[in-house]
Amino acid sequence: MTRKKTETVVSDEPGRLIGYARVSTVEQLLDLQTDALRAVGVDTRDTYTDRMSGGRADRPGLASALAACRTGDTLVVWRLDRLGRSVRDLANIVRDLGDRGVGFRSLTESVDTATTAGRLLMHVLAAVAEAERSMASDRIRAGMAARRARGVVVGRPPALSRDQIELARQLYESGQSLRQIARTVRGRNGKHPAPSTVFAAVCPQSTFSRLI
């Protein structure tokens, strides 16, 4: 008996074009964007839209468009600012698409990650996003240092006030355990603090031998 040789058929069919369009308010029209997407071959059934500010993270249309993308597909937008909330957000989205094998095109800026120039631009955007993130961290650290220099307490306020700490110390010196003190003292939020909080306030250099 002769077996037939099974051939693997490889499809040359290109991936789909997935379109995304957004306007900031319900009064604005999507026609300009959707017409441009349709002109480059995006099927209306594969076009997703939002009518809300680009600053919002919860954009259901964008979420649906990203979820619809499969390996070999290309996400198409009319302009870069329709997609990302910031350079960092845009770079993250495009990077995630690339990791999934999905291309990206922006019609107005002629960006296409299928081309060398398009990939180079996205690398530049990623570098700008990283620099932006680094500068933001530097500004936060500088601000915190300046506040400390002025005597401002940075971070979460202490669980116990000075008076509460003094009371806790007096009780500790009288022989009460940390658990007993915790049941007596109330913190700034009106609740009893944990024994470990009392310990940190009254005896940071001692042991936990009297915790129980």
N, C-alpha and C. Protein backbone atom coordinates (compact mmCIF):
# COMPACT_ATOMS: atom_id res chain seq x y z
N MET A 1 0.85 -1.19 0.00
CA MET A 1 0.00 0.00 0.00
C MET A 1 0.89 1.24 0.00
N THR A 2 0.63 2.12 -0.94
CA THR A 2 1.42 3.34 -1.07
C THR A 2 0.73 4.49 -0.37
N ARG A 3 1.49 5.16 0.52
CA ARG A 3 0.92 6.31 1.22
C ARG A 3 1.14 7.58 0.41
N LYS A 4 0.11 8.40 0.44
CA LYS A 4 0.24 9.68 -0.23
C LYS A 4 1.08 10.63 0.61
N LYS A 5 1.93 11.35 -0.04
CA LYS A 5 2.76 12.33 0.66
C LYS A 5 1.91 13.56 0.96
N THR A 6 1.87 13.92 2.23
CA THR A 6 1.08 15.09 2.63
C THR A 6 1.92 16.36 2.48
N GLU A 7 1.43 17.31 1.73
CA GLU A 7 2.14 18.57 1.52
C GLU A 7 1.61 19.63 2.47
N THR A 8 2.54 20.41 3.00
CA THR A 8 2.15 21.53 3.87
C THR A 8 1.93 22.76 3.01
N VAL A 9 0.75 23.28 3.08
CA VAL A 9 0.40 24.45 2.28
C VAL A 9 0.65 25.72 3.08
N VAL A 10 1.51 26.56 2.56
CA VAL A 10 1.83 27.83 3.23
C VAL A 10 1.07 28.95 2.52
N SER A 11 0.29 29.67 3.26
CA SER A 11 -0.51 30.74 2.68
C SER A 11 0.32 32.00 2.50
N ASP A 12 0.24 32.59 1.30
CA ASP A 12 0.93 33.86 1.02
C ASP A 12 0.02 35.05 1.27
N GLU A 13 -1.14 34.79 1.81
CA GLU A 13 -2.10 35.87 2.03
C GLU A 13 -1.59 36.82 3.12
N PRO A 14 -1.53 38.11 2.82
CA PRO A 14 -1.02 39.07 3.82
C PRO A 14 -1.97 39.20 4.99
N GLY A 15 -1.44 39.68 6.12
CA GLY A 15 -2.27 39.88 7.29
C GLY A 15 -3.28 40.99 7.07
N ARG A 16 -4.22 41.09 7.99
CA ARG A 16 -5.26 42.11 7.87
C ARG A 16 -4.73 43.48 8.29
N LEU A 17 -5.42 44.50 7.83
CA LEU A 17 -5.19 45.86 8.30
C LEU A 17 -6.27 46.16 9.34
N ILE A 18 -5.84 46.46 10.57
CA ILE A 18 -6.77 46.79 11.65
C ILE A 18 -6.71 48.30 11.87
N GLY A 19 -7.83 48.97 11.73
CA GLY A 19 -7.84 50.42 11.87
C GLY A 19 -8.30 50.89 13.23
N TYR A 20 -7.75 52.01 13.67
CA TYR A 20 -8.20 52.64 14.92
C TYR A 20 -8.30 54.14 14.70
N ALA A 21 -9.45 54.71 15.11
CA ALA A 21 -9.69 56.14 14.98
C ALA A 21 -10.25 56.67 16.29
N ARG A 22 -9.91 57.92 16.60
CA ARG A 22 -10.40 58.51 17.85
C ARG A 22 -10.60 60.00 17.69
N VAL A 23 -11.70 60.49 18.27
CA VAL A 23 -11.93 61.92 18.43
C VAL A 23 -12.16 62.19 19.91
N SER A 24 -11.92 63.43 20.33
CA SER A 24 -11.95 63.73 21.76
C SER A 24 -13.34 63.92 22.34
N THR A 25 -14.29 64.37 21.53
CA THR A 25 -15.64 64.62 22.03
C THR A 25 -16.67 63.98 21.12
N VAL A 26 -17.87 63.81 21.64
CA VAL A 26 -18.94 63.18 20.85
C VAL A 26 -19.40 64.09 19.72
N GLU A 27 -19.11 65.40 19.83
CA GLU A 27 -19.52 66.32 18.78
C GLU A 27 -18.63 66.23 17.54
N GLN A 28 -17.40 65.79 17.72
CA GLN A 28 -16.47 65.71 16.60
C GLN A 28 -16.78 64.50 15.72
N LEU A 29 -16.42 64.61 14.45
CA LEU A 29 -16.71 63.55 13.50
C LEU A 29 -15.48 62.68 13.26
N LEU A 30 -15.73 61.40 13.05
CA LEU A 30 -14.68 60.45 12.77
C LEU A 30 -14.43 60.27 11.27
N ASP A 31 -15.26 60.92 10.45
CA ASP A 31 -15.24 60.66 9.01
C ASP A 31 -13.87 60.84 8.37
N LEU A 32 -13.15 61.92 8.74
CA LEU A 32 -11.85 62.17 8.13
C LEU A 32 -10.91 60.99 8.34
N GLN A 33 -10.90 60.49 9.56
CA GLN A 33 -10.00 59.39 9.90
C GLN A 33 -10.44 58.07 9.26
N THR A 34 -11.73 57.77 9.38
CA THR A 34 -12.21 56.49 8.84
C THR A 34 -12.12 56.45 7.32
N ASP A 35 -12.32 57.60 6.66
CA ASP A 35 -12.18 57.66 5.20
C ASP A 35 -10.74 57.39 4.79
N ALA A 36 -9.80 57.97 5.56
CA ALA A 36 -8.38 57.77 5.25
C ALA A 36 -7.99 56.31 5.46
N LEU A 37 -8.53 55.70 6.51
CA LEU A 37 -8.23 54.29 6.76
C LEU A 37 -8.79 53.41 5.65
N ARG A 38 -10.02 53.71 5.25
CA ARG A 38 -10.65 52.92 4.19
C ARG A 38 -9.89 53.07 2.87
N ALA A 39 -9.33 54.27 2.62
CA ALA A 39 -8.62 54.52 1.37
C ALA A 39 -7.36 53.68 1.23
N VAL A 40 -6.78 53.26 2.36
CA VAL A 40 -5.56 52.43 2.28
C VAL A 40 -5.87 50.94 2.42
N GLY A 41 -7.18 50.62 2.46
CA GLY A 41 -7.55 49.22 2.43
C GLY A 41 -8.06 48.62 3.73
N VAL A 42 -8.30 49.46 4.75
CA VAL A 42 -8.83 48.94 6.01
C VAL A 42 -10.32 48.69 5.85
N ASP A 43 -10.74 47.49 6.12
CA ASP A 43 -12.16 47.14 6.04
C ASP A 43 -12.92 47.81 7.18
N THR A 44 -14.11 48.28 6.88
CA THR A 44 -14.93 48.93 7.90
C THR A 44 -15.17 48.01 9.09
N ARG A 45 -15.30 46.71 8.82
CA ARG A 45 -15.54 45.75 9.90
C ARG A 45 -14.32 45.59 10.80
N ASP A 46 -13.15 46.01 10.31
CA ASP A 46 -11.92 45.91 11.10
C ASP A 46 -11.47 47.27 11.62
N THR A 47 -12.39 48.21 11.69
CA THR A 47 -12.08 49.55 12.18
C THR A 47 -12.74 49.76 13.54
N TYR A 48 -11.97 50.18 14.50
CA TYR A 48 -12.44 50.40 15.87
C TYR A 48 -12.28 51.88 16.22
N THR A 49 -13.24 52.40 16.98
CA THR A 49 -13.24 53.83 17.25
C THR A 49 -13.51 54.14 18.72
N ASP A 50 -13.09 55.33 19.12
CA ASP A 50 -13.39 55.88 20.44
C ASP A 50 -13.78 57.33 20.29
N ARG A 51 -14.69 57.76 21.15
CA ARG A 51 -15.05 59.18 21.24
C ARG A 51 -14.77 59.63 22.68
N MET A 52 -13.52 59.91 22.96
CA MET A 52 -13.11 60.31 24.30
C MET A 52 -11.69 60.86 24.25
N SER A 53 -11.30 61.51 25.32
CA SER A 53 -9.98 62.12 25.40
C SER A 53 -8.89 61.07 25.26
N GLY A 54 -7.82 61.43 24.58
CA GLY A 54 -6.70 60.52 24.44
C GLY A 54 -5.93 60.32 25.74
N GLY A 55 -6.21 61.17 26.74
CA GLY A 55 -5.54 61.05 28.03
C GLY A 55 -6.08 59.91 28.87
N ARG A 56 -7.19 59.34 28.47
CA ARG A 56 -7.79 58.25 29.25
C ARG A 56 -7.13 56.92 28.91
N ALA A 57 -6.89 56.14 29.96
CA ALA A 57 -6.29 54.83 29.75
C ALA A 57 -7.33 53.79 29.34
N ASP A 58 -8.58 54.00 29.77
CA ASP A 58 -9.64 53.01 29.50
C ASP A 58 -10.39 53.37 28.22
N ARG A 59 -9.77 53.10 27.09
CA ARG A 59 -10.40 53.35 25.80
C ARG A 59 -10.84 52.01 25.21
N PRO A 60 -12.11 51.70 25.29
CA PRO A 60 -12.57 50.37 24.85
C PRO A 60 -12.32 50.09 23.38
N GLY A 61 -12.43 51.12 22.53
CA GLY A 61 -12.18 50.91 21.11
C GLY A 61 -10.75 50.49 20.85
N LEU A 62 -9.81 51.16 21.52
CA LEU A 62 -8.40 50.81 21.36
C LEU A 62 -8.12 49.41 21.91
N ALA A 63 -8.72 49.11 23.05
CA ALA A 63 -8.54 47.77 23.62
C ALA A 63 -9.02 46.71 22.65
N SER A 64 -10.15 46.95 22.00
CA SER A 64 -10.69 45.98 21.04
C SER A 64 -9.80 45.86 19.82
N ALA A 65 -9.26 47.00 19.36
CA ALA A 65 -8.39 46.98 18.19
C ALA A 65 -7.12 46.19 18.48
N LEU A 66 -6.53 46.42 19.64
CA LEU A 66 -5.30 45.70 20.01
C LEU A 66 -5.58 44.21 20.17
N ALA A 67 -6.73 43.89 20.75
CA ALA A 67 -7.08 42.48 20.95
C ALA A 67 -7.35 41.78 19.62
N ALA A 68 -7.82 42.54 18.63
CA ALA A 68 -8.15 41.95 17.33
C ALA A 68 -6.90 41.64 16.50
N CYS A 69 -5.78 42.28 16.83
CA CYS A 69 -4.56 42.11 16.04
C CYS A 69 -3.97 40.71 16.25
N ARG A 70 -3.62 40.09 15.14
CA ARG A 70 -2.96 38.79 15.17
C ARG A 70 -1.61 38.90 14.46
N THR A 71 -0.77 37.90 14.67
CA THR A 71 0.54 37.89 14.02
C THR A 71 0.39 38.08 12.51
N GLY A 72 1.13 39.04 11.97
CA GLY A 72 1.05 39.32 10.54
C GLY A 72 0.14 40.48 10.21
N ASP A 73 -0.73 40.86 11.16
CA ASP A 73 -1.62 42.01 10.93
C ASP A 73 -0.85 43.32 11.10
N THR A 74 -1.50 44.41 10.72
CA THR A 74 -0.92 45.75 10.89
C THR A 74 -1.98 46.68 11.46
N LEU A 75 -1.64 47.36 12.54
CA LEU A 75 -2.54 48.36 13.11
C LEU A 75 -2.29 49.68 12.41
N VAL A 76 -3.36 50.30 11.92
CA VAL A 76 -3.24 51.54 11.15
C VAL A 76 -4.02 52.65 11.84
N VAL A 77 -3.37 53.81 12.00
CA VAL A 77 -4.03 55.00 12.54
C VAL A 77 -3.82 56.16 11.59
N TRP A 78 -4.67 57.15 11.72
CA TRP A 78 -4.56 58.33 10.85
C TRP A 78 -3.37 59.19 11.25
N ARG A 79 -3.17 59.34 12.58
CA ARG A 79 -2.07 60.16 13.07
C ARG A 79 -1.58 59.59 14.40
N LEU A 80 -0.32 59.77 14.72
CA LEU A 80 0.27 59.17 15.91
C LEU A 80 -0.47 59.54 17.19
N ASP A 81 -0.90 60.80 17.29
CA ASP A 81 -1.54 61.23 18.55
C ASP A 81 -2.92 60.63 18.74
N ARG A 82 -3.44 59.91 17.74
CA ARG A 82 -4.71 59.21 17.91
C ARG A 82 -4.53 57.94 18.74
N LEU A 83 -3.29 57.45 18.81
CA LEU A 83 -3.04 56.17 19.45
C LEU A 83 -2.58 56.31 20.90
N GLY A 84 -1.49 57.02 21.13
CA GLY A 84 -0.88 57.07 22.46
C GLY A 84 -1.26 58.30 23.25
N ARG A 85 -1.26 58.14 24.59
CA ARG A 85 -1.52 59.27 25.48
C ARG A 85 -0.29 60.15 25.62
N SER A 86 0.88 59.60 25.36
CA SER A 86 2.15 60.30 25.47
C SER A 86 3.15 59.56 24.60
N VAL A 87 4.35 60.13 24.49
CA VAL A 87 5.40 59.44 23.73
C VAL A 87 5.68 58.09 24.35
N ARG A 88 5.71 58.04 25.68
CA ARG A 88 5.98 56.78 26.37
C ARG A 88 4.89 55.76 26.08
N ASP A 89 3.63 56.19 26.16
CA ASP A 89 2.52 55.28 25.92
C ASP A 89 2.55 54.77 24.48
N LEU A 90 2.81 55.68 23.53
CA LEU A 90 2.89 55.30 22.13
C LEU A 90 3.99 54.28 21.90
N ALA A 91 5.17 54.55 22.46
CA ALA A 91 6.30 53.63 22.29
C ALA A 91 5.99 52.26 22.88
N ASN A 92 5.32 52.25 24.03
CA ASN A 92 4.98 50.98 24.67
C ASN A 92 4.01 50.16 23.83
N ILE A 93 3.00 50.84 23.28
CA ILE A 93 2.00 50.14 22.46
C ILE A 93 2.65 49.53 21.22
N VAL A 94 3.46 50.34 20.54
CA VAL A 94 4.09 49.86 19.31
C VAL A 94 5.08 48.74 19.60
N ARG A 95 5.81 48.84 20.73
CA ARG A 95 6.74 47.78 21.10
C ARG A 95 5.99 46.48 21.38
N ASP A 96 4.86 46.59 22.11
CA ASP A 96 4.07 45.40 22.40
C ASP A 96 3.52 44.76 21.12
N LEU A 97 3.11 45.61 20.19
CA LEU A 97 2.63 45.08 18.90
C LEU A 97 3.76 44.33 18.20
N GLY A 98 4.95 44.93 18.19
CA GLY A 98 6.08 44.29 17.54
C GLY A 98 6.41 42.95 18.16
N ASP A 99 6.32 42.88 19.50
CA ASP A 99 6.59 41.61 20.19
C ASP A 99 5.60 40.53 19.79
N ARG A 100 4.40 40.95 19.38
CA ARG A 100 3.37 40.00 18.96
C ARG A 100 3.41 39.71 17.47
N GLY A 101 4.38 40.33 16.77
CA GLY A 101 4.46 40.13 15.33
C GLY A 101 3.46 40.96 14.55
N VAL A 102 3.02 42.07 15.15
CA VAL A 102 2.03 42.95 14.51
C VAL A 102 2.72 44.25 14.09
N GLY A 103 2.47 44.66 12.86
CA GLY A 103 3.06 45.90 12.35
C GLY A 103 2.26 47.12 12.76
N PHE A 104 2.79 48.30 12.44
CA PHE A 104 2.11 49.55 12.79
C PHE A 104 2.35 50.58 11.70
N ARG A 105 1.27 51.29 11.34
CA ARG A 105 1.36 52.36 10.35
C ARG A 105 0.62 53.58 10.85
N SER A 106 1.21 54.75 10.62
CA SER A 106 0.53 56.03 10.86
C SER A 106 0.54 56.79 9.55
N LEU A 107 -0.63 57.09 9.03
CA LEU A 107 -0.74 57.63 7.68
C LEU A 107 -0.19 59.04 7.54
N THR A 108 -0.51 59.93 8.46
CA THR A 108 -0.11 61.33 8.35
C THR A 108 1.41 61.48 8.38
N GLU A 109 2.06 60.77 9.30
CA GLU A 109 3.51 60.88 9.43
C GLU A 109 4.27 59.90 8.54
N SER A 110 3.54 59.09 7.76
CA SER A 110 4.15 58.08 6.88
C SER A 110 5.07 57.14 7.65
N VAL A 111 4.63 56.73 8.84
CA VAL A 111 5.38 55.78 9.65
C VAL A 111 4.89 54.38 9.35
N ASP A 112 5.81 53.48 9.08
CA ASP A 112 5.46 52.08 8.80
C ASP A 112 6.58 51.21 9.35
N THR A 113 6.28 50.42 10.37
CA THR A 113 7.32 49.60 10.99
C THR A 113 7.77 48.46 10.09
N ALA A 114 7.14 48.31 8.93
CA ALA A 114 7.60 47.31 7.96
C ALA A 114 8.80 47.83 7.18
N THR A 115 9.08 49.13 7.31
CA THR A 115 10.21 49.74 6.61
C THR A 115 11.33 50.05 7.59
N THR A 116 12.54 50.19 7.08
CA THR A 116 13.69 50.51 7.93
C THR A 116 13.52 51.87 8.58
N ALA A 117 13.05 52.86 7.80
CA ALA A 117 12.86 54.20 8.35
C ALA A 117 11.82 54.21 9.46
N GLY A 118 10.76 53.42 9.27
CA GLY A 118 9.71 53.36 10.29
C GLY A 118 10.22 52.73 11.57
N ARG A 119 10.99 51.66 11.44
CA ARG A 119 11.54 51.02 12.64
C ARG A 119 12.52 51.94 13.35
N LEU A 120 13.30 52.69 12.59
CA LEU A 120 14.25 53.64 13.18
C LEU A 120 13.51 54.71 13.97
N LEU A 121 12.43 55.24 13.40
CA LEU A 121 11.66 56.27 14.10
C LEU A 121 11.10 55.74 15.41
N MET A 122 10.61 54.51 15.42
CA MET A 122 10.05 53.95 16.63
C MET A 122 11.14 53.72 17.69
N HIS A 123 12.36 53.40 17.25
CA HIS A 123 13.46 53.29 18.20
C HIS A 123 13.77 54.65 18.82
N VAL A 124 13.70 55.69 17.98
CA VAL A 124 13.92 57.05 18.50
C VAL A 124 12.84 57.41 19.51
N LEU A 125 11.59 57.10 19.20
CA LEU A 125 10.49 57.38 20.12
C LEU A 125 10.68 56.63 21.44
N ALA A 126 11.14 55.39 21.36
CA ALA A 126 11.38 54.61 22.58
C ALA A 126 12.47 55.25 23.42
N ALA A 127 13.52 55.77 22.74
CA ALA A 127 14.61 56.43 23.46
C ALA A 127 14.12 57.72 24.12
N VAL A 128 13.28 58.46 23.40
CA VAL A 128 12.71 59.69 23.97
C VAL A 128 11.84 59.37 25.18
N ALA A 129 11.06 58.29 25.08
CA ALA A 129 10.19 57.88 26.19
C ALA A 129 11.03 57.51 27.41
N GLU A 130 12.14 56.81 27.19
CA GLU A 130 13.02 56.42 28.30
C GLU A 130 13.65 57.65 28.94
N ALA A 131 14.07 58.62 28.11
CA ALA A 131 14.64 59.86 28.64
C ALA A 131 13.59 60.64 29.44
N GLU A 132 12.35 60.65 28.93
CA GLU A 132 11.27 61.33 29.62
C GLU A 132 11.01 60.70 30.98
N ARG A 133 11.03 59.38 31.04
CA ARG A 133 10.82 58.66 32.29
C ARG A 133 11.96 58.95 33.28
N SER A 134 13.20 58.98 32.78
CA SER A 134 14.35 59.24 33.63
C SER A 134 14.30 60.66 34.20
N MET A 135 13.93 61.64 33.35
CA MET A 135 13.86 63.02 33.82
C MET A 135 12.76 63.20 34.85
N ALA A 136 11.65 62.49 34.67
CA ALA A 136 10.56 62.57 35.64
C ALA A 136 11.01 62.04 36.99
N SER A 137 11.77 60.93 36.99
CA SER A 137 12.28 60.36 38.23
C SER A 137 13.25 61.31 38.90
N ASP A 138 14.11 61.95 38.09
CA ASP A 138 15.07 62.91 38.63
C ASP A 138 14.35 64.10 39.28
N ARG A 139 13.27 64.56 38.64
CA ARG A 139 12.52 65.70 39.20
C ARG A 139 11.88 65.32 40.53
N ILE A 140 11.36 64.10 40.61
CA ILE A 140 10.73 63.65 41.86
C ILE A 140 11.76 63.56 42.97
N ARG A 141 12.93 62.97 42.67
CA ARG A 141 13.98 62.85 43.69
C ARG A 141 14.47 64.23 44.14
N ALA A 142 14.64 65.17 43.18
CA ALA A 142 15.10 66.51 43.53
C ALA A 142 14.07 67.23 44.40
N GLY A 143 12.78 67.04 44.08
CA GLY A 143 11.73 67.66 44.88
C GLY A 143 11.69 67.13 46.30
N MET A 144 11.87 65.81 46.43
CA MET A 144 11.87 65.20 47.77
C MET A 144 13.06 65.68 48.58
N ALA A 145 14.24 65.81 47.93
CA ALA A 145 15.43 66.29 48.63
C ALA A 145 15.23 67.73 49.10
N ALA A 146 14.59 68.55 48.25
CA ALA A 146 14.35 69.94 48.62
C ALA A 146 13.39 70.04 49.80
N ARG A 147 12.39 69.18 49.82
CA ARG A 147 11.43 69.18 50.93
C ARG A 147 12.09 68.72 52.22
N ARG A 148 12.94 67.72 52.14
CA ARG A 148 13.66 67.26 53.33
C ARG A 148 14.56 68.37 53.88
N ALA A 149 15.21 69.10 52.95
CA ALA A 149 16.10 70.19 53.37
C ALA A 149 15.33 71.29 54.11
N ARG A 150 14.05 71.44 53.80
CA ARG A 150 13.22 72.45 54.48
C ARG A 150 12.56 71.89 55.74
N GLY A 151 12.87 70.62 56.05
CA GLY A 151 12.31 70.02 57.25
C GLY A 151 10.94 69.41 57.06
N VAL A 152 10.51 69.25 55.81
CA VAL A 152 9.19 68.67 55.53
C VAL A 152 9.31 67.15 55.52
N VAL A 153 8.41 66.50 56.21
CA VAL A 153 8.41 65.04 56.24
C VAL A 153 7.91 64.51 54.89
N VAL A 154 8.72 63.69 54.26
CA VAL A 154 8.38 63.14 52.95
C VAL A 154 7.88 61.71 53.11
N GLY A 155 6.80 61.40 52.41
CA GLY A 155 6.25 60.05 52.47
C GLY A 155 5.07 59.96 53.41
N ARG A 156 4.70 58.74 53.74
CA ARG A 156 3.56 58.49 54.59
C ARG A 156 3.81 59.02 56.01
N PRO A 157 2.86 59.74 56.59
CA PRO A 157 3.06 60.26 57.95
C PRO A 157 3.18 59.11 58.95
N PRO A 158 3.90 59.33 60.07
CA PRO A 158 4.04 58.28 61.08
C PRO A 158 2.68 57.81 61.59
N ALA A 159 2.61 56.51 61.92
CA ALA A 159 1.35 55.95 62.40
C ALA A 159 0.94 56.53 63.74
N LEU A 160 1.95 56.92 64.55
CA LEU A 160 1.68 57.45 65.89
C LEU A 160 2.19 58.89 65.98
N SER A 161 1.42 59.72 66.67
CA SER A 161 1.86 61.10 66.89
C SER A 161 2.93 61.12 67.98
N ARG A 162 3.55 62.28 68.21
CA ARG A 162 4.57 62.39 69.25
C ARG A 162 4.00 62.08 70.63
N ASP A 163 2.81 62.57 70.92
CA ASP A 163 2.18 62.30 72.21
C ASP A 163 1.90 60.81 72.38
N GLN A 164 1.44 60.16 71.30
CA GLN A 164 1.13 58.73 71.36
C GLN A 164 2.42 57.91 71.55
N ILE A 165 3.49 58.36 70.89
CA ILE A 165 4.78 57.66 71.06
C ILE A 165 5.28 57.81 72.49
N GLU A 166 5.12 59.02 73.06
CA GLU A 166 5.57 59.25 74.44
C GLU A 166 4.78 58.38 75.42
N LEU A 167 3.47 58.28 75.21
CA LEU A 167 2.64 57.42 76.06
C LEU A 167 3.08 55.96 75.93
N ALA A 168 3.33 55.52 74.69
CA ALA A 168 3.75 54.15 74.46
C ALA A 168 5.08 53.86 75.17
N ARG A 169 5.99 54.82 75.14
CA ARG A 169 7.27 54.63 75.81
C ARG A 169 7.11 54.52 77.33
N GLN A 170 6.23 55.34 77.87
CA GLN A 170 5.98 55.29 79.32
C GLN A 170 5.41 53.93 79.71
N LEU A 171 4.47 53.43 78.91
CA LEU A 171 3.88 52.13 79.20
C LEU A 171 4.91 51.01 79.05
N TYR A 172 5.77 51.14 78.07
CA TYR A 172 6.81 50.13 77.86
C TYR A 172 7.78 50.10 79.04
N GLU A 173 8.17 51.31 79.50
CA GLU A 173 9.10 51.39 80.63
C GLU A 173 8.46 50.89 81.92
N SER A 174 7.11 50.93 82.00
CA SER A 174 6.43 50.44 83.20
C SER A 174 6.33 48.91 83.21
N GLY A 175 6.74 48.28 82.09
CA GLY A 175 6.76 46.83 82.06
C GLY A 175 5.72 46.19 81.17
N GLN A 176 4.88 46.97 80.50
CA GLN A 176 3.85 46.37 79.64
C GLN A 176 4.49 45.83 78.36
N SER A 177 3.90 44.76 77.85
CA SER A 177 4.39 44.20 76.59
C SER A 177 3.90 45.04 75.42
N LEU A 178 4.49 44.81 74.28
CA LEU A 178 4.10 45.57 73.09
C LEU A 178 2.65 45.30 72.71
N ARG A 179 2.19 44.07 72.88
CA ARG A 179 0.79 43.76 72.58
C ARG A 179 -0.14 44.51 73.51
N GLN A 180 0.21 44.59 74.77
CA GLN A 180 -0.63 45.34 75.73
C GLN A 180 -0.67 46.82 75.36
N ILE A 181 0.49 47.35 75.01
CA ILE A 181 0.55 48.77 74.64
C ILE A 181 -0.28 49.02 73.39
N ALA A 182 -0.19 48.11 72.43
CA ALA A 182 -0.95 48.26 71.18
C ALA A 182 -2.45 48.27 71.43
N ARG A 183 -2.90 47.54 72.46
CA ARG A 183 -4.33 47.52 72.78
C ARG A 183 -4.77 48.78 73.54
N THR A 184 -3.79 49.56 74.04
CA THR A 184 -4.10 50.77 74.80
C THR A 184 -4.03 52.02 73.94
N VAL A 185 -2.98 52.11 73.13
CA VAL A 185 -2.75 53.30 72.31
C VAL A 185 -3.55 53.22 71.01
N ARG A 186 -4.03 54.36 70.55
CA ARG A 186 -4.70 54.45 69.26
C ARG A 186 -3.86 55.31 68.33
N GLY A 187 -3.74 54.90 67.07
CA GLY A 187 -2.94 55.64 66.11
C GLY A 187 -3.66 56.87 65.57
N ARG A 188 -3.04 57.51 64.59
CA ARG A 188 -3.63 58.71 63.98
C ARG A 188 -4.98 58.42 63.32
N ASN A 189 -5.15 57.20 62.84
CA ASN A 189 -6.39 56.84 62.17
C ASN A 189 -7.47 56.35 63.13
N GLY A 190 -7.18 56.43 64.45
CA GLY A 190 -8.17 56.02 65.44
C GLY A 190 -8.18 54.53 65.72
N LYS A 191 -7.34 53.77 65.03
CA LYS A 191 -7.29 52.33 65.24
C LYS A 191 -6.07 51.96 66.08
N HIS A 192 -6.14 50.78 66.70
CA HIS A 192 -5.00 50.31 67.48
C HIS A 192 -3.87 49.90 66.53
N PRO A 193 -2.65 50.33 66.80
CA PRO A 193 -1.53 49.97 65.93
C PRO A 193 -1.10 48.52 66.14
N ALA A 194 -0.37 48.00 65.21
CA ALA A 194 0.20 46.66 65.35
C ALA A 194 1.34 46.70 66.36
N PRO A 195 1.61 45.60 67.07
CA PRO A 195 2.74 45.56 68.01
C PRO A 195 4.06 45.96 67.36
N SER A 196 4.25 45.58 66.08
CA SER A 196 5.49 45.94 65.38
C SER A 196 5.61 47.45 65.21
N THR A 197 4.47 48.15 65.04
CA THR A 197 4.48 49.60 64.94
C THR A 197 4.90 50.22 66.26
N VAL A 198 4.37 49.67 67.35
CA VAL A 198 4.74 50.16 68.68
C VAL A 198 6.23 49.91 68.92
N PHE A 199 6.70 48.74 68.52
CA PHE A 199 8.11 48.39 68.70
C PHE A 199 9.01 49.40 67.99
N ALA A 200 8.68 49.72 66.73
CA ALA A 200 9.49 50.65 65.96
C ALA A 200 9.52 52.03 66.60
N ALA A 201 8.43 52.39 67.29
CA ALA A 201 8.34 53.73 67.90
C ALA A 201 9.07 53.82 69.23
N VAL A 202 9.01 52.77 70.04
CA VAL A 202 9.53 52.88 71.41
C VAL A 202 10.89 52.24 71.63
N CYS A 203 11.23 51.24 70.81
CA CYS A 203 12.51 50.57 71.08
C CYS A 203 13.15 50.07 69.79
N PRO A 204 13.46 50.95 68.87
CA PRO A 204 13.99 50.52 67.58
C PRO A 204 15.31 49.78 67.65
N GLN A 205 16.05 49.94 68.74
CA GLN A 205 17.37 49.29 68.85
C GLN A 205 17.35 48.05 69.73
N SER A 206 16.21 47.72 70.34
CA SER A 206 16.17 46.58 71.24
C SER A 206 15.67 45.34 70.51
N THR A 207 15.32 44.31 71.25
CA THR A 207 14.87 43.05 70.65
C THR A 207 13.38 42.90 70.77
N PHE A 208 12.89 41.83 70.17
CA PHE A 208 11.45 41.54 70.23
C PHE A 208 11.11 40.64 71.43
N SER A 209 11.98 40.55 72.42
CA SER A 209 11.78 39.60 73.49
C SER A 209 10.52 39.88 74.29
N ARG A 210 10.07 41.14 74.30
CA ARG A 210 8.87 41.46 75.08
C ARG A 210 7.66 41.65 74.18
N LEU A 211 7.77 41.23 72.95
CA LEU A 211 6.65 41.40 72.01
C LEU A 211 5.42 40.69 72.49
N ILE A 212 5.58 39.52 73.10
CA ILE A 212 4.44 38.75 73.58
C ILE A 212 4.23 38.99 75.05
